[in-house]
Amino acid sequence: MPPIVSIIGKSKSGKTTLIEKLIQELKSRGYKVATIKHTNQNLTFDEPGKDSWRHTQAGSETTIISSPDKIVLIKPVATEPSLEETAHLAGEDYDIILTEGFRKSDVPKIEVHRKETGPPFATTKKLIAIVTDEPVETKTRQFSPDDIKGLADLLEQGFITPQRERLLLYVNNTPISLGSFPREIIGNILLALASSLKGAKEVRSLEVFLKRKSP
């Protein structure tokens, strides 16, 4: 999947504002950005009585509402999905995914800190930077809230550029880590097969889906 970086911070610290500015800066550089927002509240897009609600109540595993300007996917879940599972639903055609929240996830994180919200979080796994309006005692790299270009450089050089070319393997919807050798072998085989097919032109992206009959 595309690289994921989570923007974390206490309430009213400026997480959404920072994401807005990063999206604009990265798009100005020609990159495609997706975002995921985490909330502890139950979502209510699917109102009782609506056709989509009736589909779900009848047992549809996933319902998609399509309109001229957007689509909405409604997928009931028994337990909250992981960040990686949620990102998988968004697809692969992005250069980076920025998320808001998910502080306990295992993805790299940028913390937004403001003096009036109290001290930064005491412990955060994979913290790569702090955006702060005051100096803080930490070995983690610090940025001013106005240094959007510097933050975009960090994302570009550390995450986007190294993963402009990538090959992903999911087995039973679980991402499988591939070393350089199997990644190269699988990629070369798939490219050779696709290129040999009638109607296939220059291969810039390739999707393969396999479903096996249960024993």
N, C-alpha and C. Protein backbone atom coordinates (compact mmCIF):
# COMPACT_ATOMS: atom_id res chain seq x y z
N MET A 1 0.85 -1.19 0.00
CA MET A 1 0.00 0.00 0.00
C MET A 1 0.88 1.24 0.00
N PRO A 2 0.31 2.41 -0.27
CA PRO A 2 1.11 3.63 -0.22
C PRO A 2 1.66 3.85 1.19
N PRO A 3 2.74 4.60 1.31
CA PRO A 3 3.25 4.90 2.65
C PRO A 3 2.20 5.65 3.46
N ILE A 4 2.13 5.34 4.75
CA ILE A 4 1.16 5.98 5.65
C ILE A 4 1.92 6.73 6.72
N VAL A 5 1.54 7.99 6.95
CA VAL A 5 2.09 8.78 8.04
C VAL A 5 0.91 9.37 8.80
N SER A 6 0.90 9.20 10.11
CA SER A 6 -0.22 9.67 10.93
C SER A 6 0.13 10.98 11.64
N ILE A 7 -0.79 11.92 11.55
CA ILE A 7 -0.66 13.20 12.25
C ILE A 7 -1.42 13.07 13.57
N ILE A 8 -0.70 13.18 14.69
CA ILE A 8 -1.31 12.99 16.00
C ILE A 8 -1.14 14.26 16.83
N GLY A 9 -1.85 14.32 17.93
CA GLY A 9 -1.75 15.47 18.82
C GLY A 9 -2.99 15.55 19.69
N LYS A 10 -2.90 16.36 20.72
CA LYS A 10 -4.03 16.53 21.62
C LYS A 10 -5.13 17.35 20.95
N SER A 11 -6.31 17.34 21.54
CA SER A 11 -7.44 18.09 20.99
C SER A 11 -7.09 19.57 20.85
N LYS A 12 -7.50 20.16 19.74
CA LYS A 12 -7.29 21.59 19.45
C LYS A 12 -5.82 21.94 19.24
N SER A 13 -5.00 20.95 18.90
CA SER A 13 -3.58 21.24 18.68
C SER A 13 -3.30 21.71 17.25
N GLY A 14 -4.25 21.48 16.34
CA GLY A 14 -4.05 21.92 14.96
C GLY A 14 -3.76 20.81 13.98
N LYS A 15 -4.19 19.59 14.29
CA LYS A 15 -3.92 18.44 13.41
C LYS A 15 -4.57 18.62 12.03
N THR A 16 -5.85 18.97 12.02
CA THR A 16 -6.57 19.10 10.75
C THR A 16 -6.00 20.22 9.91
N THR A 17 -5.66 21.33 10.54
CA THR A 17 -5.07 22.46 9.81
C THR A 17 -3.75 22.05 9.16
N LEU A 18 -2.92 21.31 9.91
CA LEU A 18 -1.64 20.86 9.37
C LEU A 18 -1.86 19.93 8.17
N ILE A 19 -2.81 19.01 8.29
CA ILE A 19 -3.09 18.08 7.18
C ILE A 19 -3.55 18.85 5.95
N GLU A 20 -4.42 19.85 6.14
CA GLU A 20 -4.88 20.66 5.01
C GLU A 20 -3.70 21.29 4.27
N LYS A 21 -2.78 21.86 5.03
CA LYS A 21 -1.63 22.53 4.42
C LYS A 21 -0.69 21.54 3.74
N LEU A 22 -0.50 20.37 4.35
CA LEU A 22 0.36 19.36 3.75
C LEU A 22 -0.24 18.82 2.45
N ILE A 23 -1.54 18.62 2.44
CA ILE A 23 -2.21 18.17 1.21
C ILE A 23 -1.95 19.17 0.08
N GLN A 24 -2.17 20.43 0.37
CA GLN A 24 -1.99 21.46 -0.65
C GLN A 24 -0.56 21.52 -1.16
N GLU A 25 0.41 21.42 -0.24
CA GLU A 25 1.82 21.49 -0.64
C GLU A 25 2.22 20.27 -1.46
N LEU A 26 1.81 19.07 -1.02
CA LEU A 26 2.17 17.86 -1.74
C LEU A 26 1.50 17.80 -3.11
N LYS A 27 0.27 18.25 -3.20
CA LYS A 27 -0.42 18.27 -4.50
C LYS A 27 0.25 19.27 -5.44
N SER A 28 0.76 20.37 -4.90
CA SER A 28 1.46 21.34 -5.75
C SER A 28 2.74 20.75 -6.33
N ARG A 29 3.24 19.68 -5.70
CA ARG A 29 4.45 19.00 -6.20
C ARG A 29 4.09 17.84 -7.13
N GLY A 30 2.79 17.67 -7.39
CA GLY A 30 2.36 16.64 -8.33
C GLY A 30 2.01 15.30 -7.72
N TYR A 31 1.91 15.23 -6.39
CA TYR A 31 1.62 13.96 -5.73
C TYR A 31 0.13 13.80 -5.45
N LYS A 32 -0.30 12.54 -5.44
CA LYS A 32 -1.69 12.19 -5.10
C LYS A 32 -1.75 11.78 -3.63
N VAL A 33 -2.63 12.44 -2.89
CA VAL A 33 -2.71 12.25 -1.44
C VAL A 33 -4.10 11.73 -1.06
N ALA A 34 -4.15 10.74 -0.21
CA ALA A 34 -5.40 10.27 0.40
C ALA A 34 -5.32 10.52 1.90
N THR A 35 -6.46 10.65 2.55
CA THR A 35 -6.48 10.88 4.00
C THR A 35 -7.46 9.94 4.67
N ILE A 36 -7.17 9.63 5.93
CA ILE A 36 -8.06 8.82 6.77
C ILE A 36 -8.19 9.52 8.11
N LYS A 37 -9.40 9.72 8.55
CA LYS A 37 -9.67 10.37 9.83
C LYS A 37 -10.23 9.34 10.81
N HIS A 38 -9.64 9.27 12.00
CA HIS A 38 -10.14 8.33 13.01
C HIS A 38 -11.08 9.06 13.97
N THR A 39 -12.18 8.40 14.30
CA THR A 39 -13.11 8.95 15.30
C THR A 39 -13.59 7.83 16.20
N ASN A 40 -13.85 8.16 17.45
CA ASN A 40 -14.41 7.18 18.40
C ASN A 40 -15.93 7.13 18.37
N GLN A 41 -16.54 8.01 17.58
CA GLN A 41 -17.99 8.06 17.51
C GLN A 41 -18.51 7.12 16.42
N ASN A 42 -19.71 6.61 16.62
CA ASN A 42 -20.34 5.78 15.59
C ASN A 42 -20.78 6.66 14.43
N LEU A 43 -20.57 6.17 13.20
CA LEU A 43 -20.94 6.94 12.02
C LEU A 43 -22.40 6.71 11.67
N THR A 44 -23.06 7.74 11.13
CA THR A 44 -24.49 7.66 10.86
C THR A 44 -24.84 8.04 9.42
N PHE A 45 -23.97 7.67 8.47
CA PHE A 45 -24.27 7.98 7.07
C PHE A 45 -25.50 7.21 6.58
N ASP A 46 -25.68 6.01 7.15
CA ASP A 46 -26.72 5.11 6.67
C ASP A 46 -27.98 5.28 7.51
N GLU A 47 -28.85 6.21 7.11
CA GLU A 47 -30.01 6.55 7.92
C GLU A 47 -31.13 5.52 7.76
N PRO A 48 -31.77 5.15 8.88
CA PRO A 48 -32.88 4.19 8.81
C PRO A 48 -33.95 4.63 7.80
N GLY A 49 -34.40 3.70 6.99
CA GLY A 49 -35.43 3.98 6.00
C GLY A 49 -34.87 4.28 4.62
N LYS A 50 -33.62 4.72 4.55
CA LYS A 50 -33.02 4.99 3.26
C LYS A 50 -32.75 3.67 2.53
N ASP A 51 -32.66 3.74 1.19
CA ASP A 51 -32.44 2.53 0.41
C ASP A 51 -31.16 1.82 0.83
N SER A 52 -30.07 2.60 1.04
CA SER A 52 -28.80 1.98 1.43
C SER A 52 -28.93 1.26 2.77
N TRP A 53 -29.69 1.85 3.70
CA TRP A 53 -29.94 1.22 5.00
C TRP A 53 -30.69 -0.09 4.82
N ARG A 54 -31.65 -0.11 3.89
CA ARG A 54 -32.43 -1.32 3.64
C ARG A 54 -31.53 -2.41 3.05
N HIS A 55 -30.60 -2.00 2.17
CA HIS A 55 -29.65 -2.98 1.63
C HIS A 55 -28.85 -3.63 2.75
N THR A 56 -28.33 -2.79 3.66
CA THR A 56 -27.52 -3.29 4.77
C THR A 56 -28.33 -4.19 5.68
N GLN A 57 -29.55 -3.76 6.00
CA GLN A 57 -30.41 -4.56 6.87
C GLN A 57 -30.76 -5.90 6.25
N ALA A 58 -30.81 -5.95 4.92
CA ALA A 58 -31.12 -7.21 4.23
C ALA A 58 -29.94 -8.17 4.23
N GLY A 59 -28.75 -7.67 4.58
CA GLY A 59 -27.59 -8.55 4.69
C GLY A 59 -26.46 -8.26 3.74
N SER A 60 -26.51 -7.15 3.00
CA SER A 60 -25.42 -6.82 2.10
C SER A 60 -24.12 -6.62 2.89
N GLU A 61 -23.05 -7.27 2.45
CA GLU A 61 -21.77 -7.16 3.13
C GLU A 61 -21.16 -5.77 2.96
N THR A 62 -21.36 -5.18 1.80
CA THR A 62 -20.87 -3.83 1.50
C THR A 62 -21.88 -3.14 0.59
N THR A 63 -22.20 -1.89 0.89
CA THR A 63 -23.09 -1.11 0.06
C THR A 63 -22.36 0.14 -0.40
N ILE A 64 -22.41 0.43 -1.69
CA ILE A 64 -21.77 1.61 -2.24
C ILE A 64 -22.83 2.53 -2.82
N ILE A 65 -22.80 3.78 -2.40
CA ILE A 65 -23.71 4.79 -2.95
C ILE A 65 -22.92 5.61 -3.96
N SER A 66 -23.40 5.62 -5.20
CA SER A 66 -22.70 6.32 -6.28
C SER A 66 -23.52 7.51 -6.75
N SER A 67 -22.85 8.66 -6.90
CA SER A 67 -23.49 9.87 -7.40
C SER A 67 -22.56 10.52 -8.42
N PRO A 68 -23.02 11.57 -9.12
CA PRO A 68 -22.15 12.19 -10.14
C PRO A 68 -20.85 12.77 -9.59
N ASP A 69 -20.80 13.11 -8.29
CA ASP A 69 -19.60 13.78 -7.79
C ASP A 69 -18.84 13.01 -6.73
N LYS A 70 -19.39 11.90 -6.23
CA LYS A 70 -18.65 11.13 -5.22
C LYS A 70 -19.29 9.77 -5.04
N ILE A 71 -18.53 8.88 -4.36
CA ILE A 71 -19.08 7.60 -3.95
C ILE A 71 -18.87 7.44 -2.45
N VAL A 72 -19.78 6.73 -1.80
CA VAL A 72 -19.67 6.45 -0.37
C VAL A 72 -19.78 4.95 -0.19
N LEU A 73 -18.82 4.37 0.53
CA LEU A 73 -18.82 2.94 0.79
C LEU A 73 -19.26 2.71 2.23
N ILE A 74 -20.26 1.87 2.42
CA ILE A 74 -20.76 1.52 3.75
C ILE A 74 -20.52 0.04 3.97
N LYS A 75 -19.67 -0.27 4.96
CA LYS A 75 -19.31 -1.66 5.22
C LYS A 75 -19.41 -1.93 6.71
N PRO A 76 -20.50 -2.57 7.17
CA PRO A 76 -20.61 -2.88 8.60
C PRO A 76 -19.48 -3.80 9.04
N VAL A 77 -18.95 -3.55 10.24
CA VAL A 77 -17.86 -4.38 10.77
C VAL A 77 -18.20 -4.82 12.19
N ALA A 78 -17.76 -6.02 12.54
CA ALA A 78 -17.99 -6.54 13.89
C ALA A 78 -17.01 -5.94 14.88
N THR A 79 -15.78 -5.71 14.42
CA THR A 79 -14.76 -5.07 15.25
C THR A 79 -14.09 -3.98 14.42
N GLU A 80 -13.53 -2.99 15.10
CA GLU A 80 -12.89 -1.89 14.39
C GLU A 80 -11.70 -2.41 13.59
N PRO A 81 -11.64 -2.11 12.28
CA PRO A 81 -10.52 -2.59 11.47
C PRO A 81 -9.23 -1.87 11.82
N SER A 82 -8.12 -2.49 11.48
CA SER A 82 -6.83 -1.85 11.70
C SER A 82 -6.66 -0.72 10.69
N LEU A 83 -5.68 0.14 10.95
CA LEU A 83 -5.40 1.22 10.02
C LEU A 83 -5.03 0.66 8.65
N GLU A 84 -4.22 -0.41 8.62
CA GLU A 84 -3.81 -0.99 7.34
C GLU A 84 -5.01 -1.55 6.58
N GLU A 85 -5.95 -2.17 7.28
CA GLU A 85 -7.15 -2.69 6.62
C GLU A 85 -7.99 -1.56 6.04
N THR A 86 -8.09 -0.47 6.79
CA THR A 86 -8.84 0.68 6.30
C THR A 86 -8.16 1.30 5.09
N ALA A 87 -6.85 1.43 5.14
CA ALA A 87 -6.10 2.00 4.02
C ALA A 87 -6.23 1.14 2.78
N HIS A 88 -6.31 -0.18 2.97
CA HIS A 88 -6.45 -1.09 1.83
C HIS A 88 -7.74 -0.81 1.06
N LEU A 89 -8.79 -0.40 1.77
CA LEU A 89 -10.06 -0.08 1.11
C LEU A 89 -9.93 1.13 0.19
N ALA A 90 -9.02 2.04 0.53
CA ALA A 90 -8.86 3.26 -0.27
C ALA A 90 -8.22 2.96 -1.62
N GLY A 91 -7.49 1.86 -1.72
CA GLY A 91 -6.83 1.54 -2.97
C GLY A 91 -5.35 1.90 -2.93
N GLU A 92 -4.70 1.67 -4.06
CA GLU A 92 -3.25 1.82 -4.12
C GLU A 92 -2.78 3.03 -4.93
N ASP A 93 -3.69 3.71 -5.61
CA ASP A 93 -3.28 4.74 -6.57
C ASP A 93 -3.00 6.09 -5.91
N TYR A 94 -2.19 6.07 -4.86
CA TYR A 94 -1.81 7.30 -4.18
C TYR A 94 -0.32 7.26 -3.88
N ASP A 95 0.26 8.44 -3.72
CA ASP A 95 1.68 8.51 -3.38
C ASP A 95 1.90 8.45 -1.87
N ILE A 96 0.89 8.88 -1.10
CA ILE A 96 0.99 8.84 0.35
C ILE A 96 -0.41 8.92 0.95
N ILE A 97 -0.58 8.33 2.12
CA ILE A 97 -1.82 8.44 2.89
C ILE A 97 -1.50 9.14 4.19
N LEU A 98 -2.16 10.27 4.44
CA LEU A 98 -2.03 10.98 5.71
C LEU A 98 -3.23 10.65 6.57
N THR A 99 -3.01 10.29 7.81
CA THR A 99 -4.11 9.98 8.69
C THR A 99 -4.12 10.95 9.87
N GLU A 100 -5.30 11.15 10.42
CA GLU A 100 -5.45 11.99 11.61
C GLU A 100 -5.87 11.10 12.77
N GLY A 101 -5.00 11.00 13.74
CA GLY A 101 -5.27 10.11 14.87
C GLY A 101 -4.43 8.84 14.75
N PHE A 102 -4.99 7.73 15.22
CA PHE A 102 -4.30 6.44 15.19
C PHE A 102 -2.97 6.49 15.94
N ARG A 103 -2.96 7.10 17.12
CA ARG A 103 -1.71 7.26 17.87
C ARG A 103 -1.11 5.93 18.29
N LYS A 104 -1.93 4.90 18.47
CA LYS A 104 -1.43 3.61 18.91
C LYS A 104 -1.07 2.68 17.76
N SER A 105 -1.20 3.16 16.54
CA SER A 105 -0.88 2.32 15.39
C SER A 105 0.63 2.16 15.24
N ASP A 106 1.03 1.33 14.30
CA ASP A 106 2.45 1.03 14.12
C ASP A 106 3.05 1.77 12.92
N VAL A 107 2.43 2.88 12.51
CA VAL A 107 2.94 3.64 11.37
C VAL A 107 3.74 4.84 11.87
N PRO A 108 4.59 5.42 11.03
CA PRO A 108 5.32 6.63 11.43
C PRO A 108 4.35 7.77 11.76
N LYS A 109 4.77 8.63 12.71
CA LYS A 109 3.86 9.67 13.20
C LYS A 109 4.56 11.02 13.31
N ILE A 110 3.76 12.06 13.08
CA ILE A 110 4.17 13.44 13.33
C ILE A 110 3.24 14.00 14.38
N GLU A 111 3.79 14.48 15.50
CA GLU A 111 2.95 15.03 16.56
C GLU A 111 2.85 16.55 16.41
N VAL A 112 1.63 17.06 16.56
CA VAL A 112 1.39 18.50 16.56
C VAL A 112 1.24 18.95 18.01
N HIS A 113 2.07 19.88 18.41
CA HIS A 113 2.08 20.35 19.80
C HIS A 113 1.89 21.86 19.86
N ARG A 114 1.03 22.30 20.75
CA ARG A 114 0.86 23.73 21.03
C ARG A 114 1.05 23.95 22.53
N LYS A 115 1.66 25.07 22.88
CA LYS A 115 2.00 25.36 24.26
C LYS A 115 0.79 25.28 25.18
N GLU A 116 -0.37 25.82 24.71
CA GLU A 116 -1.54 25.88 25.59
C GLU A 116 -2.23 24.54 25.80
N THR A 117 -1.86 23.50 25.02
CA THR A 117 -2.51 22.20 25.20
C THR A 117 -1.76 21.28 26.16
N GLY A 118 -0.67 21.78 26.74
CA GLY A 118 0.09 20.96 27.68
C GLY A 118 1.27 20.30 26.99
N PRO A 119 2.02 19.50 27.73
CA PRO A 119 3.24 18.87 27.18
C PRO A 119 2.91 17.86 26.08
N PRO A 120 3.88 17.55 25.21
CA PRO A 120 3.66 16.50 24.20
C PRO A 120 3.40 15.16 24.86
N PHE A 121 2.93 14.21 24.07
CA PHE A 121 2.72 12.87 24.59
C PHE A 121 4.03 12.31 25.14
N ALA A 122 3.94 11.59 26.23
CA ALA A 122 5.15 11.08 26.89
C ALA A 122 5.85 10.02 26.06
N THR A 123 5.08 9.09 25.50
CA THR A 123 5.66 8.01 24.69
C THR A 123 4.82 7.81 23.44
N THR A 124 5.49 7.77 22.31
CA THR A 124 4.83 7.51 21.04
C THR A 124 5.76 6.68 20.18
N LYS A 125 5.26 5.55 19.68
CA LYS A 125 6.07 4.70 18.82
C LYS A 125 6.23 5.34 17.44
N LYS A 126 7.43 5.24 16.90
CA LYS A 126 7.73 5.69 15.54
C LYS A 126 7.43 7.17 15.33
N LEU A 127 7.78 7.98 16.29
CA LEU A 127 7.61 9.43 16.15
C LEU A 127 8.77 9.97 15.31
N ILE A 128 8.45 10.58 14.17
CA ILE A 128 9.51 11.05 13.26
C ILE A 128 9.70 12.56 13.33
N ALA A 129 8.73 13.29 13.88
CA ALA A 129 8.86 14.75 13.95
C ALA A 129 7.82 15.32 14.90
N ILE A 130 8.10 16.51 15.41
CA ILE A 130 7.15 17.25 16.22
C ILE A 130 6.99 18.64 15.60
N VAL A 131 5.76 19.02 15.38
CA VAL A 131 5.44 20.37 14.91
C VAL A 131 5.02 21.16 16.14
N THR A 132 5.80 22.16 16.52
CA THR A 132 5.59 22.80 17.81
C THR A 132 5.76 24.31 17.72
N ASP A 133 5.00 25.04 18.54
CA ASP A 133 5.12 26.50 18.59
C ASP A 133 6.05 26.95 19.71
N GLU A 134 6.76 25.98 20.34
CA GLU A 134 7.76 26.30 21.36
C GLU A 134 8.81 25.21 21.35
N PRO A 135 10.04 25.51 21.72
CA PRO A 135 11.07 24.46 21.78
C PRO A 135 10.70 23.42 22.83
N VAL A 136 10.90 22.15 22.53
CA VAL A 136 10.63 21.08 23.49
C VAL A 136 11.88 20.23 23.63
N GLU A 137 12.03 19.63 24.79
CA GLU A 137 13.20 18.79 25.06
C GLU A 137 12.97 17.40 24.47
N THR A 138 13.55 17.17 23.31
CA THR A 138 13.41 15.88 22.64
C THR A 138 14.50 15.75 21.59
N LYS A 139 14.87 14.51 21.30
CA LYS A 139 15.83 14.26 20.23
C LYS A 139 15.13 14.18 18.88
N THR A 140 13.80 14.16 18.92
CA THR A 140 13.03 14.09 17.68
C THR A 140 13.12 15.42 16.92
N ARG A 141 13.17 15.35 15.63
CA ARG A 141 13.28 16.55 14.81
C ARG A 141 12.07 17.46 15.01
N GLN A 142 12.32 18.77 15.15
CA GLN A 142 11.24 19.73 15.41
C GLN A 142 11.04 20.68 14.22
N PHE A 143 9.77 21.02 13.98
CA PHE A 143 9.41 21.94 12.90
C PHE A 143 8.49 23.02 13.44
N SER A 144 8.59 24.20 12.87
CA SER A 144 7.64 25.26 13.16
C SER A 144 6.32 24.95 12.44
N PRO A 145 5.17 25.36 12.99
CA PRO A 145 3.90 25.15 12.30
C PRO A 145 3.85 25.80 10.92
N ASP A 146 4.70 26.80 10.69
CA ASP A 146 4.72 27.47 9.38
C ASP A 146 5.66 26.81 8.39
N ASP A 147 6.45 25.83 8.83
CA ASP A 147 7.43 25.21 7.94
C ASP A 147 6.81 24.03 7.19
N ILE A 148 5.79 24.32 6.39
CA ILE A 148 5.10 23.27 5.66
C ILE A 148 6.00 22.67 4.58
N LYS A 149 6.80 23.51 3.93
CA LYS A 149 7.71 23.01 2.90
C LYS A 149 8.73 22.05 3.50
N GLY A 150 9.23 22.35 4.69
CA GLY A 150 10.18 21.45 5.35
C GLY A 150 9.55 20.11 5.69
N LEU A 151 8.32 20.14 6.18
CA LEU A 151 7.61 18.89 6.48
C LEU A 151 7.33 18.10 5.22
N ALA A 152 6.94 18.81 4.16
CA ALA A 152 6.68 18.13 2.88
C ALA A 152 7.96 17.51 2.33
N ASP A 153 9.09 18.19 2.52
CA ASP A 153 10.38 17.62 2.11
C ASP A 153 10.65 16.33 2.87
N LEU A 154 10.35 16.32 4.18
CA LEU A 154 10.55 15.13 5.00
C LEU A 154 9.71 13.97 4.47
N LEU A 155 8.46 14.22 4.15
CA LEU A 155 7.57 13.18 3.64
C LEU A 155 8.00 12.73 2.24
N GLU A 156 8.40 13.68 1.44
CA GLU A 156 8.81 13.36 0.07
C GLU A 156 10.07 12.50 0.06
N GLN A 157 11.08 12.93 0.79
CA GLN A 157 12.36 12.23 0.75
C GLN A 157 12.35 10.92 1.55
N GLY A 158 11.58 10.91 2.65
CA GLY A 158 11.61 9.73 3.52
C GLY A 158 10.59 8.67 3.18
N PHE A 159 9.51 9.05 2.47
CA PHE A 159 8.42 8.10 2.26
C PHE A 159 7.94 8.01 0.82
N ILE A 160 7.71 9.15 0.18
CA ILE A 160 7.12 9.12 -1.16
C ILE A 160 8.11 8.62 -2.20
N THR A 161 9.28 9.27 -2.28
CA THR A 161 10.26 8.90 -3.31
C THR A 161 10.72 7.45 -3.20
N PRO A 162 11.05 6.94 -1.99
CA PRO A 162 11.50 5.54 -1.91
C PRO A 162 10.44 4.52 -2.32
N GLN A 163 9.15 4.92 -2.33
CA GLN A 163 8.09 3.96 -2.63
C GLN A 163 7.30 4.34 -3.88
N ARG A 164 7.91 5.11 -4.78
CA ARG A 164 7.23 5.43 -6.04
C ARG A 164 6.98 4.17 -6.86
N GLU A 165 7.88 3.20 -6.75
CA GLU A 165 7.68 1.89 -7.35
C GLU A 165 7.52 0.87 -6.23
N ARG A 166 6.43 0.13 -6.26
CA ARG A 166 6.22 -0.83 -5.18
C ARG A 166 5.39 -2.01 -5.69
N LEU A 167 5.57 -3.14 -5.04
CA LEU A 167 4.81 -4.35 -5.32
C LEU A 167 4.25 -4.85 -4.01
N LEU A 168 2.96 -5.13 -3.97
CA LEU A 168 2.29 -5.52 -2.73
C LEU A 168 1.63 -6.87 -2.91
N LEU A 169 1.65 -7.66 -1.86
CA LEU A 169 1.00 -8.96 -1.88
C LEU A 169 0.09 -9.07 -0.66
N TYR A 170 -1.19 -9.36 -0.92
CA TYR A 170 -2.15 -9.59 0.16
C TYR A 170 -2.60 -11.05 0.09
N VAL A 171 -2.56 -11.73 1.22
CA VAL A 171 -3.07 -13.09 1.32
C VAL A 171 -4.17 -13.09 2.36
N ASN A 172 -5.38 -13.42 1.95
CA ASN A 172 -6.55 -13.37 2.82
C ASN A 172 -6.71 -11.98 3.44
N ASN A 173 -6.51 -10.94 2.61
CA ASN A 173 -6.64 -9.53 3.00
C ASN A 173 -5.57 -9.06 3.97
N THR A 174 -4.55 -9.87 4.19
CA THR A 174 -3.46 -9.49 5.09
C THR A 174 -2.21 -9.18 4.26
N PRO A 175 -1.62 -7.98 4.42
CA PRO A 175 -0.42 -7.66 3.66
C PRO A 175 0.75 -8.55 4.06
N ILE A 176 1.47 -9.06 3.06
CA ILE A 176 2.62 -9.93 3.29
C ILE A 176 3.89 -9.16 2.95
N SER A 177 4.83 -9.15 3.88
CA SER A 177 6.10 -8.45 3.65
C SER A 177 6.95 -9.24 2.67
N LEU A 178 7.49 -8.56 1.67
CA LEU A 178 8.31 -9.19 0.65
C LEU A 178 9.72 -8.61 0.69
N GLY A 179 10.71 -9.49 0.68
CA GLY A 179 12.08 -9.05 0.55
C GLY A 179 12.38 -8.64 -0.89
N SER A 180 13.56 -8.11 -1.12
CA SER A 180 13.89 -7.60 -2.45
C SER A 180 13.90 -8.70 -3.50
N PHE A 181 14.38 -9.91 -3.15
CA PHE A 181 14.46 -10.99 -4.14
C PHE A 181 13.08 -11.49 -4.57
N PRO A 182 12.18 -11.90 -3.63
CA PRO A 182 10.85 -12.33 -4.08
C PRO A 182 10.07 -11.21 -4.75
N ARG A 183 10.28 -9.97 -4.29
CA ARG A 183 9.59 -8.85 -4.92
C ARG A 183 10.01 -8.69 -6.38
N GLU A 184 11.30 -8.84 -6.63
CA GLU A 184 11.80 -8.71 -8.00
C GLU A 184 11.32 -9.86 -8.87
N ILE A 185 11.36 -11.09 -8.33
CA ILE A 185 10.92 -12.25 -9.10
C ILE A 185 9.44 -12.15 -9.45
N ILE A 186 8.60 -11.87 -8.45
CA ILE A 186 7.15 -11.78 -8.69
C ILE A 186 6.85 -10.65 -9.66
N GLY A 187 7.51 -9.51 -9.47
CA GLY A 187 7.27 -8.37 -10.35
C GLY A 187 7.63 -8.67 -11.79
N ASN A 188 8.79 -9.30 -12.00
CA ASN A 188 9.21 -9.62 -13.36
C ASN A 188 8.28 -10.62 -14.03
N ILE A 189 7.81 -11.62 -13.28
CA ILE A 189 6.89 -12.61 -13.84
C ILE A 189 5.57 -11.96 -14.24
N LEU A 190 5.02 -11.14 -13.35
CA LEU A 190 3.74 -10.49 -13.64
C LEU A 190 3.86 -9.54 -14.83
N LEU A 191 4.94 -8.77 -14.89
CA LEU A 191 5.14 -7.86 -16.00
C LEU A 191 5.28 -8.61 -17.32
N ALA A 192 6.02 -9.72 -17.30
CA ALA A 192 6.20 -10.50 -18.51
C ALA A 192 4.87 -11.09 -18.99
N LEU A 193 4.08 -11.63 -18.06
CA LEU A 193 2.78 -12.20 -18.43
C LEU A 193 1.85 -11.13 -18.97
N ALA A 194 1.77 -9.99 -18.28
CA ALA A 194 0.85 -8.93 -18.72
C ALA A 194 1.27 -8.37 -20.07
N SER A 195 2.57 -8.18 -20.27
CA SER A 195 3.06 -7.59 -21.52
C SER A 195 2.82 -8.51 -22.71
N SER A 196 2.71 -9.82 -22.46
CA SER A 196 2.51 -10.77 -23.56
C SER A 196 1.05 -10.90 -23.98
N LEU A 197 0.14 -10.32 -23.20
CA LEU A 197 -1.28 -10.46 -23.49
C LEU A 197 -1.72 -9.48 -24.57
N LYS A 198 -2.63 -9.91 -25.40
CA LYS A 198 -3.15 -9.07 -26.46
C LYS A 198 -3.91 -7.89 -25.87
N GLY A 199 -3.62 -6.71 -26.32
CA GLY A 199 -4.30 -5.51 -25.83
C GLY A 199 -3.58 -4.81 -24.71
N ALA A 200 -2.59 -5.47 -24.10
CA ALA A 200 -1.84 -4.84 -23.02
C ALA A 200 -0.79 -3.91 -23.63
N LYS A 201 -0.78 -2.65 -23.20
CA LYS A 201 0.20 -1.69 -23.69
C LYS A 201 1.27 -1.50 -22.61
N GLU A 202 1.74 -0.28 -22.42
CA GLU A 202 2.72 -0.04 -21.38
C GLU A 202 2.10 -0.28 -20.01
N VAL A 203 2.72 -1.13 -19.20
CA VAL A 203 2.19 -1.48 -17.89
C VAL A 203 2.72 -0.49 -16.86
N ARG A 204 1.85 0.35 -16.34
CA ARG A 204 2.23 1.27 -15.28
C ARG A 204 1.74 0.81 -13.91
N SER A 205 0.63 0.09 -13.91
CA SER A 205 0.13 -0.54 -12.68
C SER A 205 -0.56 -1.83 -13.09
N LEU A 206 -0.62 -2.75 -12.16
CA LEU A 206 -1.16 -4.08 -12.46
C LEU A 206 -1.89 -4.61 -11.24
N GLU A 207 -3.10 -5.09 -11.45
CA GLU A 207 -3.88 -5.67 -10.35
C GLU A 207 -4.21 -7.12 -10.68
N VAL A 208 -3.97 -7.99 -9.73
CA VAL A 208 -4.29 -9.41 -9.88
C VAL A 208 -5.10 -9.84 -8.68
N PHE A 209 -6.21 -10.51 -8.90
CA PHE A 209 -7.02 -11.01 -7.79
C PHE A 209 -7.22 -12.50 -7.97
N LEU A 210 -7.03 -13.26 -6.92
CA LEU A 210 -7.22 -14.71 -6.96
C LEU A 210 -8.11 -15.12 -5.81
N LYS A 211 -9.14 -15.88 -6.11
CA LYS A 211 -10.01 -16.44 -5.07
C LYS A 211 -10.10 -17.93 -5.29
N ARG A 212 -9.77 -18.70 -4.27
CA ARG A 212 -9.78 -20.15 -4.37
C ARG A 212 -11.01 -20.72 -3.67
N LYS A 213 -11.47 -21.82 -4.20
CA LYS A 213 -12.61 -22.51 -3.61
C LYS A 213 -12.22 -23.09 -2.26
N SER A 214 -13.07 -22.89 -1.27
CA SER A 214 -12.77 -23.41 0.08
C SER A 214 -12.78 -24.94 0.04
N PRO A 215 -11.89 -25.59 0.82
CA PRO A 215 -11.85 -27.06 0.85
C PRO A 215 -13.13 -27.64 1.42
